[in-house]
Amino acid sequence: MTKVSMKVNGKPVSGEVEGRTLLVSFLRDTLGLTGTHVGCDTSQCGACVVHVDGQAVKSCTMFVAEAEGCEVTTIEGMANADGSLSTIQQAFQDHHGLQCGFCTPGMVMSAAALLAGTPKPTEAEIRHYLEGNICRCTGYHNIVKAILAASGQDVSDIGGDAIAAE
């Protein structure tokens, strides 16, 4: 067993883990932060994206011991201090950038990382950045629209018909 310590969503946490414990398992099973989803177990779907020291990481591919001393942010840590939705979360709600919701936490975390590095991305940049995130429901159109809106760009001329956009 290995002792690990880090900050998760701004709070210090620690635990005893086996060396092979993945970050996603530590977050979900040890800390009870079940917003980070396990979708494919092979690092292809992006449902498990979290931020580690500000970088988007697929937590199913990282051992928790690798996060020793790091700052980890999960979807639960994205809300504003008063509990209201963050700008990106609100944009996903306002522009229906979700359907079943399973991929949404990973999409939000990826979108936040994109916007941190590219404050005004183009539609093409958003679609390219999200290539590591799979959504089986929405067709991505409203996800892209939500990210554009969260970046402060005008989306009034973007139609809501996901099929027409694909």
N, C-alpha and C. Protein backbone atom coordinates (compact mmCIF):
# COMPACT_ATOMS: atom_id res chain seq x y z
N MET A 1 0.85 -1.19 0.00
CA MET A 1 0.00 0.00 0.00
C MET A 1 0.88 1.24 0.00
N THR A 2 0.39 2.25 -0.70
CA THR A 2 1.10 3.52 -0.83
C THR A 2 0.20 4.62 -0.32
N LYS A 3 0.76 5.54 0.43
CA LYS A 3 -0.01 6.69 0.90
C LYS A 3 0.10 7.80 -0.15
N VAL A 4 -1.05 8.37 -0.52
CA VAL A 4 -1.08 9.47 -1.47
C VAL A 4 -1.77 10.67 -0.83
N SER A 5 -1.29 11.83 -1.18
CA SER A 5 -1.89 13.09 -0.72
C SER A 5 -1.93 14.06 -1.88
N MET A 6 -3.01 14.81 -1.98
CA MET A 6 -3.18 15.79 -3.05
C MET A 6 -4.32 16.71 -2.65
N LYS A 7 -4.55 17.72 -3.45
CA LYS A 7 -5.74 18.55 -3.28
C LYS A 7 -6.72 18.15 -4.36
N VAL A 8 -7.95 17.91 -3.95
CA VAL A 8 -9.01 17.60 -4.91
C VAL A 8 -10.11 18.63 -4.70
N ASN A 9 -10.40 19.35 -5.74
CA ASN A 9 -11.40 20.41 -5.70
C ASN A 9 -11.12 21.40 -4.57
N GLY A 10 -9.83 21.69 -4.39
CA GLY A 10 -9.39 22.68 -3.42
C GLY A 10 -9.24 22.19 -2.00
N LYS A 11 -9.53 20.92 -1.74
CA LYS A 11 -9.45 20.38 -0.38
C LYS A 11 -8.35 19.32 -0.30
N PRO A 12 -7.54 19.35 0.76
CA PRO A 12 -6.52 18.31 0.90
C PRO A 12 -7.17 16.95 1.18
N VAL A 13 -6.69 15.94 0.48
CA VAL A 13 -7.17 14.57 0.68
C VAL A 13 -5.96 13.64 0.71
N SER A 14 -6.14 12.51 1.33
CA SER A 14 -5.09 11.49 1.33
C SER A 14 -5.74 10.13 1.49
N GLY A 15 -4.97 9.11 1.20
CA GLY A 15 -5.49 7.75 1.33
C GLY A 15 -4.40 6.73 1.09
N GLU A 16 -4.68 5.52 1.49
CA GLU A 16 -3.79 4.38 1.27
C GLU A 16 -4.33 3.63 0.07
N VAL A 17 -3.47 3.42 -0.92
CA VAL A 17 -3.90 2.77 -2.15
C VAL A 17 -2.89 1.72 -2.59
N GLU A 18 -3.36 0.78 -3.36
CA GLU A 18 -2.45 -0.15 -4.03
C GLU A 18 -1.76 0.62 -5.15
N GLY A 19 -0.56 0.24 -5.49
CA GLY A 19 0.21 0.93 -6.52
C GLY A 19 -0.47 0.97 -7.87
N ARG A 20 -1.33 0.01 -8.15
CA ARG A 20 -2.00 -0.05 -9.46
C ARG A 20 -3.33 0.70 -9.50
N THR A 21 -3.67 1.41 -8.42
CA THR A 21 -4.94 2.11 -8.35
C THR A 21 -4.93 3.30 -9.33
N LEU A 22 -5.93 3.36 -10.14
CA LEU A 22 -6.07 4.45 -11.10
C LEU A 22 -6.69 5.67 -10.42
N LEU A 23 -6.36 6.84 -10.93
CA LEU A 23 -6.91 8.08 -10.38
C LEU A 23 -8.43 8.06 -10.40
N VAL A 24 -9.04 7.59 -11.47
CA VAL A 24 -10.49 7.55 -11.56
C VAL A 24 -11.08 6.68 -10.44
N SER A 25 -10.44 5.59 -10.11
CA SER A 25 -10.93 4.71 -9.04
C SER A 25 -10.81 5.39 -7.68
N PHE A 26 -9.70 6.08 -7.45
CA PHE A 26 -9.51 6.81 -6.21
C PHE A 26 -10.59 7.88 -6.05
N LEU A 27 -10.83 8.63 -7.11
CA LEU A 27 -11.84 9.69 -7.07
C LEU A 27 -13.23 9.12 -6.80
N ARG A 28 -13.60 8.09 -7.51
CA ARG A 28 -14.94 7.53 -7.39
C ARG A 28 -15.12 6.67 -6.14
N ASP A 29 -14.21 5.72 -5.95
CA ASP A 29 -14.40 4.72 -4.90
C ASP A 29 -13.93 5.18 -3.52
N THR A 30 -12.84 5.90 -3.47
CA THR A 30 -12.31 6.34 -2.19
C THR A 30 -12.92 7.66 -1.75
N LEU A 31 -13.01 8.61 -2.67
CA LEU A 31 -13.50 9.94 -2.31
C LEU A 31 -15.00 10.13 -2.56
N GLY A 32 -15.62 9.20 -3.27
CA GLY A 32 -17.05 9.29 -3.54
C GLY A 32 -17.43 10.36 -4.55
N LEU A 33 -16.48 10.80 -5.37
CA LEU A 33 -16.74 11.80 -6.40
C LEU A 33 -17.13 11.09 -7.69
N THR A 34 -18.38 10.71 -7.78
CA THR A 34 -18.84 9.85 -8.87
C THR A 34 -19.22 10.60 -10.14
N GLY A 35 -19.00 11.90 -10.18
CA GLY A 35 -19.25 12.66 -11.40
C GLY A 35 -18.27 12.31 -12.51
N THR A 36 -17.08 11.89 -12.13
CA THR A 36 -16.09 11.43 -13.10
C THR A 36 -16.49 10.01 -13.50
N HIS A 37 -16.83 9.83 -14.76
CA HIS A 37 -17.37 8.54 -15.21
C HIS A 37 -16.31 7.63 -15.81
N VAL A 38 -16.56 6.34 -15.71
CA VAL A 38 -15.75 5.33 -16.38
C VAL A 38 -16.60 4.82 -17.53
N GLY A 39 -16.15 5.07 -18.74
CA GLY A 39 -16.96 4.69 -19.89
C GLY A 39 -16.41 3.50 -20.64
N CYS A 40 -15.11 3.50 -20.91
CA CYS A 40 -14.57 2.48 -21.81
C CYS A 40 -13.44 1.67 -21.20
N ASP A 41 -12.84 2.17 -20.14
CA ASP A 41 -11.67 1.51 -19.52
C ASP A 41 -10.47 1.41 -20.45
N THR A 42 -10.48 2.12 -21.57
CA THR A 42 -9.37 2.03 -22.51
C THR A 42 -8.86 3.40 -22.96
N SER A 43 -9.29 4.46 -22.31
CA SER A 43 -8.84 5.82 -22.61
C SER A 43 -9.31 6.34 -23.95
N GLN A 44 -10.42 5.84 -24.44
CA GLN A 44 -10.89 6.29 -25.75
C GLN A 44 -12.13 7.17 -25.70
N CYS A 45 -12.88 7.14 -24.60
CA CYS A 45 -14.17 7.84 -24.62
C CYS A 45 -14.13 9.22 -23.99
N GLY A 46 -13.23 9.49 -23.06
CA GLY A 46 -13.12 10.81 -22.45
C GLY A 46 -14.10 11.09 -21.33
N ALA A 47 -14.90 10.12 -20.93
CA ALA A 47 -15.86 10.34 -19.84
C ALA A 47 -15.17 10.59 -18.50
N CYS A 48 -13.91 10.22 -18.40
CA CYS A 48 -13.17 10.31 -17.13
C CYS A 48 -12.25 11.52 -17.04
N VAL A 49 -12.40 12.50 -17.94
CA VAL A 49 -11.48 13.64 -17.95
C VAL A 49 -11.62 14.47 -16.68
N VAL A 50 -10.48 14.75 -16.07
CA VAL A 50 -10.36 15.66 -14.93
C VAL A 50 -9.19 16.59 -15.23
N HIS A 51 -8.97 17.57 -14.40
CA HIS A 51 -7.80 18.44 -14.54
C HIS A 51 -6.80 18.09 -13.46
N VAL A 52 -5.56 17.90 -13.85
CA VAL A 52 -4.46 17.67 -12.91
C VAL A 52 -3.47 18.81 -13.13
N ASP A 53 -3.32 19.61 -12.09
CA ASP A 53 -2.48 20.81 -12.19
C ASP A 53 -2.84 21.63 -13.42
N GLY A 54 -4.15 21.75 -13.67
CA GLY A 54 -4.65 22.59 -14.76
C GLY A 54 -4.68 21.96 -16.13
N GLN A 55 -4.21 20.74 -16.26
CA GLN A 55 -4.19 20.06 -17.56
C GLN A 55 -5.28 18.99 -17.62
N ALA A 56 -5.97 18.90 -18.75
CA ALA A 56 -6.98 17.86 -18.93
C ALA A 56 -6.28 16.51 -19.03
N VAL A 57 -6.75 15.56 -18.23
CA VAL A 57 -6.15 14.22 -18.16
C VAL A 57 -7.27 13.19 -18.14
N LYS A 58 -7.09 12.12 -18.88
CA LYS A 58 -8.02 11.00 -18.78
C LYS A 58 -7.61 10.20 -17.54
N SER A 59 -8.43 10.29 -16.52
CA SER A 59 -8.07 9.72 -15.22
C SER A 59 -8.06 8.20 -15.19
N CYS A 60 -8.53 7.56 -16.26
CA CYS A 60 -8.47 6.10 -16.32
C CYS A 60 -7.10 5.63 -16.82
N THR A 61 -6.24 6.58 -17.20
CA THR A 61 -4.91 6.22 -17.69
C THR A 61 -3.80 6.67 -16.75
N MET A 62 -4.18 7.22 -15.61
CA MET A 62 -3.19 7.76 -14.68
C MET A 62 -3.29 7.05 -13.35
N PHE A 63 -2.17 6.59 -12.85
CA PHE A 63 -2.16 6.01 -11.52
C PHE A 63 -2.31 7.13 -10.50
N VAL A 64 -3.06 6.86 -9.43
CA VAL A 64 -3.27 7.90 -8.43
C VAL A 64 -1.94 8.34 -7.81
N ALA A 65 -0.98 7.46 -7.73
CA ALA A 65 0.33 7.83 -7.17
C ALA A 65 1.01 8.90 -8.02
N GLU A 66 0.69 8.95 -9.31
CA GLU A 66 1.26 9.98 -10.19
C GLU A 66 0.70 11.36 -9.87
N ALA A 67 -0.42 11.42 -9.17
CA ALA A 67 -1.05 12.69 -8.80
C ALA A 67 -0.60 13.15 -7.41
N GLU A 68 0.34 12.46 -6.83
CA GLU A 68 0.87 12.84 -5.51
C GLU A 68 1.28 14.31 -5.53
N GLY A 69 0.74 15.09 -4.58
CA GLY A 69 1.09 16.50 -4.46
C GLY A 69 0.43 17.41 -5.47
N CYS A 70 -0.37 16.86 -6.35
CA CYS A 70 -0.99 17.66 -7.42
C CYS A 70 -2.32 18.27 -6.95
N GLU A 71 -2.81 19.19 -7.77
CA GLU A 71 -4.15 19.74 -7.60
C GLU A 71 -5.03 19.12 -8.66
N VAL A 72 -6.07 18.44 -8.23
CA VAL A 72 -6.99 17.74 -9.12
C VAL A 72 -8.35 18.43 -9.04
N THR A 73 -8.92 18.69 -10.20
CA THR A 73 -10.27 19.25 -10.24
C THR A 73 -11.16 18.28 -11.00
N THR A 74 -12.29 17.95 -10.39
CA THR A 74 -13.28 17.08 -11.02
C THR A 74 -14.49 17.93 -11.40
N ILE A 75 -15.46 17.33 -12.03
CA ILE A 75 -16.68 18.04 -12.40
C ILE A 75 -17.34 18.63 -11.16
N GLU A 76 -17.23 17.97 -10.02
CA GLU A 76 -17.83 18.49 -8.79
C GLU A 76 -17.17 19.80 -8.36
N GLY A 77 -15.94 20.02 -8.78
CA GLY A 77 -15.23 21.23 -8.42
C GLY A 77 -15.39 22.36 -9.41
N MET A 78 -16.19 22.17 -10.44
CA MET A 78 -16.35 23.19 -11.48
C MET A 78 -17.39 24.25 -11.12
N ALA A 79 -18.28 23.95 -10.20
CA ALA A 79 -19.32 24.92 -9.84
C ALA A 79 -18.70 26.15 -9.19
N ASN A 80 -19.44 27.24 -9.22
CA ASN A 80 -19.00 28.46 -8.54
C ASN A 80 -19.04 28.25 -7.03
N ALA A 81 -18.38 29.12 -6.29
CA ALA A 81 -18.29 28.99 -4.83
C ALA A 81 -19.67 28.95 -4.16
N ASP A 82 -20.65 29.63 -4.75
CA ASP A 82 -22.00 29.64 -4.17
C ASP A 82 -22.83 28.43 -4.59
N GLY A 83 -22.22 27.52 -5.35
CA GLY A 83 -22.92 26.31 -5.77
C GLY A 83 -23.61 26.44 -7.13
N SER A 84 -23.66 27.63 -7.67
CA SER A 84 -24.28 27.81 -8.99
C SER A 84 -23.37 27.24 -10.06
N LEU A 85 -23.94 26.98 -11.21
CA LEU A 85 -23.18 26.40 -12.31
C LEU A 85 -22.13 27.38 -12.83
N SER A 86 -20.99 26.84 -13.22
CA SER A 86 -19.96 27.65 -13.85
C SER A 86 -20.46 28.08 -15.23
N THR A 87 -19.74 28.99 -15.85
CA THR A 87 -20.12 29.48 -17.17
C THR A 87 -20.26 28.34 -18.17
N ILE A 88 -19.29 27.45 -18.20
CA ILE A 88 -19.34 26.34 -19.16
C ILE A 88 -20.49 25.38 -18.84
N GLN A 89 -20.71 25.09 -17.55
CA GLN A 89 -21.82 24.21 -17.18
C GLN A 89 -23.15 24.85 -17.57
N GLN A 90 -23.30 26.14 -17.31
CA GLN A 90 -24.54 26.84 -17.64
C GLN A 90 -24.76 26.85 -19.15
N ALA A 91 -23.69 27.02 -19.91
CA ALA A 91 -23.81 27.01 -21.37
C ALA A 91 -24.27 25.65 -21.87
N PHE A 92 -23.76 24.57 -21.27
CA PHE A 92 -24.21 23.23 -21.65
C PHE A 92 -25.70 23.08 -21.38
N GLN A 93 -26.16 23.61 -20.25
CA GLN A 93 -27.59 23.54 -19.93
C GLN A 93 -28.40 24.41 -20.88
N ASP A 94 -27.98 25.65 -21.06
CA ASP A 94 -28.73 26.60 -21.88
C ASP A 94 -28.85 26.16 -23.35
N HIS A 95 -27.82 25.53 -23.87
CA HIS A 95 -27.79 25.16 -25.28
C HIS A 95 -27.97 23.66 -25.50
N HIS A 96 -28.45 23.00 -24.49
CA HIS A 96 -28.74 21.56 -24.52
C HIS A 96 -27.55 20.77 -25.09
N GLY A 97 -26.38 21.01 -24.50
CA GLY A 97 -25.18 20.31 -24.92
C GLY A 97 -25.05 18.97 -24.22
N LEU A 98 -26.17 18.33 -24.00
CA LEU A 98 -26.20 17.02 -23.35
C LEU A 98 -27.47 16.32 -23.77
N GLN A 99 -27.49 15.05 -23.58
CA GLN A 99 -28.71 14.32 -23.83
C GLN A 99 -28.85 13.30 -22.71
N CYS A 100 -28.18 12.16 -22.79
CA CYS A 100 -28.27 11.22 -21.67
C CYS A 100 -27.42 11.71 -20.50
N GLY A 101 -26.38 12.51 -20.78
CA GLY A 101 -25.56 13.10 -19.73
C GLY A 101 -24.34 12.30 -19.34
N PHE A 102 -24.17 11.10 -19.85
CA PHE A 102 -23.05 10.28 -19.41
C PHE A 102 -21.71 10.90 -19.78
N CYS A 103 -21.60 11.44 -20.97
CA CYS A 103 -20.33 12.03 -21.41
C CYS A 103 -20.14 13.45 -20.90
N THR A 104 -21.18 14.06 -20.39
CA THR A 104 -21.16 15.49 -20.07
C THR A 104 -20.04 15.91 -19.13
N PRO A 105 -19.78 15.20 -18.03
CA PRO A 105 -18.68 15.65 -17.16
C PRO A 105 -17.34 15.72 -17.90
N GLY A 106 -17.04 14.72 -18.68
CA GLY A 106 -15.79 14.73 -19.45
C GLY A 106 -15.78 15.81 -20.50
N MET A 107 -16.92 16.04 -21.14
CA MET A 107 -17.02 17.11 -22.14
C MET A 107 -16.81 18.47 -21.49
N VAL A 108 -17.44 18.70 -20.34
CA VAL A 108 -17.30 19.98 -19.64
C VAL A 108 -15.85 20.20 -19.23
N MET A 109 -15.20 19.16 -18.70
CA MET A 109 -13.81 19.29 -18.26
C MET A 109 -12.89 19.54 -19.45
N SER A 110 -13.13 18.86 -20.56
CA SER A 110 -12.34 19.10 -21.77
C SER A 110 -12.58 20.50 -22.30
N ALA A 111 -13.84 20.92 -22.33
CA ALA A 111 -14.17 22.25 -22.82
C ALA A 111 -13.52 23.33 -21.97
N ALA A 112 -13.52 23.14 -20.66
CA ALA A 112 -12.89 24.13 -19.77
C ALA A 112 -11.40 24.22 -20.04
N ALA A 113 -10.76 23.08 -20.29
CA ALA A 113 -9.32 23.09 -20.60
C ALA A 113 -9.07 23.79 -21.93
N LEU A 114 -9.91 23.53 -22.92
CA LEU A 114 -9.78 24.19 -24.21
C LEU A 114 -9.89 25.70 -24.05
N LEU A 115 -10.92 26.15 -23.34
CA LEU A 115 -11.15 27.59 -23.18
C LEU A 115 -10.05 28.26 -22.35
N ALA A 116 -9.43 27.52 -21.46
CA ALA A 116 -8.32 28.09 -20.69
C ALA A 116 -7.14 28.41 -21.60
N GLY A 117 -6.94 27.59 -22.61
CA GLY A 117 -5.81 27.80 -23.53
C GLY A 117 -6.17 28.56 -24.79
N THR A 118 -7.44 28.48 -25.18
CA THR A 118 -7.91 29.15 -26.40
C THR A 118 -9.24 29.81 -26.06
N PRO A 119 -9.20 31.04 -25.57
CA PRO A 119 -10.42 31.69 -25.07
C PRO A 119 -11.53 31.88 -26.10
N LYS A 120 -11.19 32.00 -27.37
CA LYS A 120 -12.19 32.20 -28.43
C LYS A 120 -11.97 31.20 -29.56
N PRO A 121 -12.21 29.92 -29.29
CA PRO A 121 -11.95 28.91 -30.33
C PRO A 121 -12.96 28.98 -31.47
N THR A 122 -12.53 28.52 -32.62
CA THR A 122 -13.44 28.38 -33.75
C THR A 122 -14.18 27.06 -33.60
N GLU A 123 -15.22 26.89 -34.40
CA GLU A 123 -15.95 25.63 -34.39
C GLU A 123 -15.01 24.47 -34.74
N ALA A 124 -14.15 24.67 -35.72
CA ALA A 124 -13.21 23.62 -36.13
C ALA A 124 -12.24 23.29 -34.99
N GLU A 125 -11.76 24.29 -34.28
CA GLU A 125 -10.86 24.03 -33.15
C GLU A 125 -11.56 23.24 -32.05
N ILE A 126 -12.81 23.57 -31.79
CA ILE A 126 -13.57 22.84 -30.76
C ILE A 126 -13.74 21.39 -31.17
N ARG A 127 -14.17 21.18 -32.40
CA ARG A 127 -14.39 19.80 -32.87
C ARG A 127 -13.09 18.99 -32.83
N HIS A 128 -11.99 19.62 -33.20
CA HIS A 128 -10.69 18.94 -33.16
C HIS A 128 -10.32 18.60 -31.70
N TYR A 129 -10.50 19.54 -30.80
CA TYR A 129 -10.13 19.33 -29.39
C TYR A 129 -10.96 18.22 -28.76
N LEU A 130 -12.20 18.09 -29.17
CA LEU A 130 -13.09 17.09 -28.57
C LEU A 130 -12.96 15.71 -29.21
N GLU A 131 -12.01 15.52 -30.10
CA GLU A 131 -11.87 14.21 -30.76
C GLU A 131 -11.63 13.08 -29.76
N GLY A 132 -11.11 13.37 -28.60
CA GLY A 132 -10.87 12.35 -27.60
C GLY A 132 -12.05 12.11 -26.68
N ASN A 133 -13.19 12.74 -26.96
CA ASN A 133 -14.40 12.57 -26.16
C ASN A 133 -15.51 12.03 -27.06
N ILE A 134 -16.12 10.96 -26.63
CA ILE A 134 -17.18 10.33 -27.43
C ILE A 134 -18.54 10.63 -26.80
N CYS A 135 -19.46 11.09 -27.64
CA CYS A 135 -20.85 11.24 -27.25
C CYS A 135 -21.66 10.38 -28.21
N ARG A 136 -22.48 9.53 -27.66
CA ARG A 136 -23.26 8.64 -28.50
C ARG A 136 -24.69 9.15 -28.74
N CYS A 137 -25.01 10.32 -28.17
CA CYS A 137 -26.40 10.79 -28.24
C CYS A 137 -26.61 12.05 -29.05
N THR A 138 -25.72 13.04 -28.91
CA THR A 138 -26.08 14.39 -29.34
C THR A 138 -25.69 14.76 -30.76
N GLY A 139 -24.76 14.10 -31.37
CA GLY A 139 -24.26 14.54 -32.67
C GLY A 139 -23.30 15.70 -32.54
N TYR A 140 -22.96 16.10 -31.34
CA TYR A 140 -21.95 17.12 -31.01
C TYR A 140 -22.36 18.56 -31.32
N HIS A 141 -23.34 18.78 -32.14
CA HIS A 141 -23.66 20.14 -32.57
C HIS A 141 -23.92 21.06 -31.37
N ASN A 142 -24.79 20.66 -30.47
CA ASN A 142 -25.13 21.52 -29.34
C ASN A 142 -24.00 21.60 -28.32
N ILE A 143 -23.14 20.61 -28.28
CA ILE A 143 -21.95 20.68 -27.43
C ILE A 143 -21.03 21.78 -27.97
N VAL A 144 -20.81 21.79 -29.26
CA VAL A 144 -19.99 22.82 -29.88
C VAL A 144 -20.62 24.20 -29.66
N LYS A 145 -21.92 24.28 -29.85
CA LYS A 145 -22.63 25.55 -29.64
C LYS A 145 -22.48 26.02 -28.19
N ALA A 146 -22.57 25.12 -27.24
CA ALA A 146 -22.42 25.48 -25.82
C ALA A 146 -21.02 26.01 -25.53
N ILE A 147 -20.02 25.39 -26.12
CA ILE A 147 -18.64 25.84 -25.89
C ILE A 147 -18.41 27.21 -26.53
N LEU A 148 -18.94 27.40 -27.72
CA LEU A 148 -18.86 28.72 -28.35
C LEU A 148 -19.53 29.78 -27.48
N ALA A 149 -20.70 29.46 -26.95
CA ALA A 149 -21.43 30.39 -26.08
C ALA A 149 -20.64 30.68 -24.80
N ALA A 150 -20.05 29.64 -24.22
CA ALA A 150 -19.27 29.83 -22.99
C ALA A 150 -18.06 30.72 -23.23
N SER A 151 -17.58 30.74 -24.47
CA SER A 151 -16.43 31.57 -24.79
C SER A 151 -16.84 33.02 -25.06
N GLY A 152 -18.14 33.29 -24.97
CA GLY A 152 -18.64 34.64 -25.17
C GLY A 152 -18.93 34.99 -26.60
N GLN A 153 -18.89 34.00 -27.47
CA GLN A 153 -19.15 34.25 -28.89
C GLN A 153 -20.65 34.18 -29.17
N ASP A 154 -21.07 34.91 -30.18
CA ASP A 154 -22.46 34.94 -30.57
C ASP A 154 -22.84 33.63 -31.25
N VAL A 155 -23.87 32.99 -30.75
CA VAL A 155 -24.34 31.74 -31.34
C VAL A 155 -25.76 31.88 -31.88
N SER A 156 -26.25 33.12 -31.96
CA SER A 156 -27.63 33.34 -32.39
C SER A 156 -27.90 32.89 -33.82
N ASP A 157 -26.86 32.87 -34.65
CA ASP A 157 -27.07 32.45 -36.04
C ASP A 157 -26.78 30.97 -36.26
N ILE A 158 -26.47 30.26 -35.18
CA ILE A 158 -26.23 28.83 -35.27
C ILE A 158 -27.52 28.10 -35.00
N GLY A 159 -27.97 27.30 -35.95
CA GLY A 159 -29.23 26.58 -35.80
C GLY A 159 -29.15 25.50 -34.74
N GLY A 160 -30.27 25.07 -34.27
CA GLY A 160 -30.32 24.04 -33.23
C GLY A 160 -30.51 22.64 -33.75
N ASP A 161 -30.59 22.48 -35.06
CA ASP A 161 -30.82 21.17 -35.63
C ASP A 161 -29.51 20.40 -35.76
N ALA A 162 -29.30 19.47 -34.87
CA ALA A 162 -28.03 18.73 -34.84
C ALA A 162 -27.81 17.94 -36.13
N ILE A 163 -28.85 17.41 -36.70
CA ILE A 163 -28.69 16.59 -37.90
C ILE A 163 -28.24 17.44 -39.08
N ALA A 164 -28.78 18.65 -39.19
CA ALA A 164 -28.42 19.51 -40.30
C ALA A 164 -26.95 19.92 -40.24
N ALA A 165 -26.40 19.97 -39.04
CA ALA A 165 -25.01 20.42 -38.88
C ALA A 165 -24.00 19.31 -39.18
N GLU A 166 -24.40 18.10 -39.14
CA GLU A 166 -23.46 16.99 -39.28
C GLU A 166 -23.23 16.62 -40.72
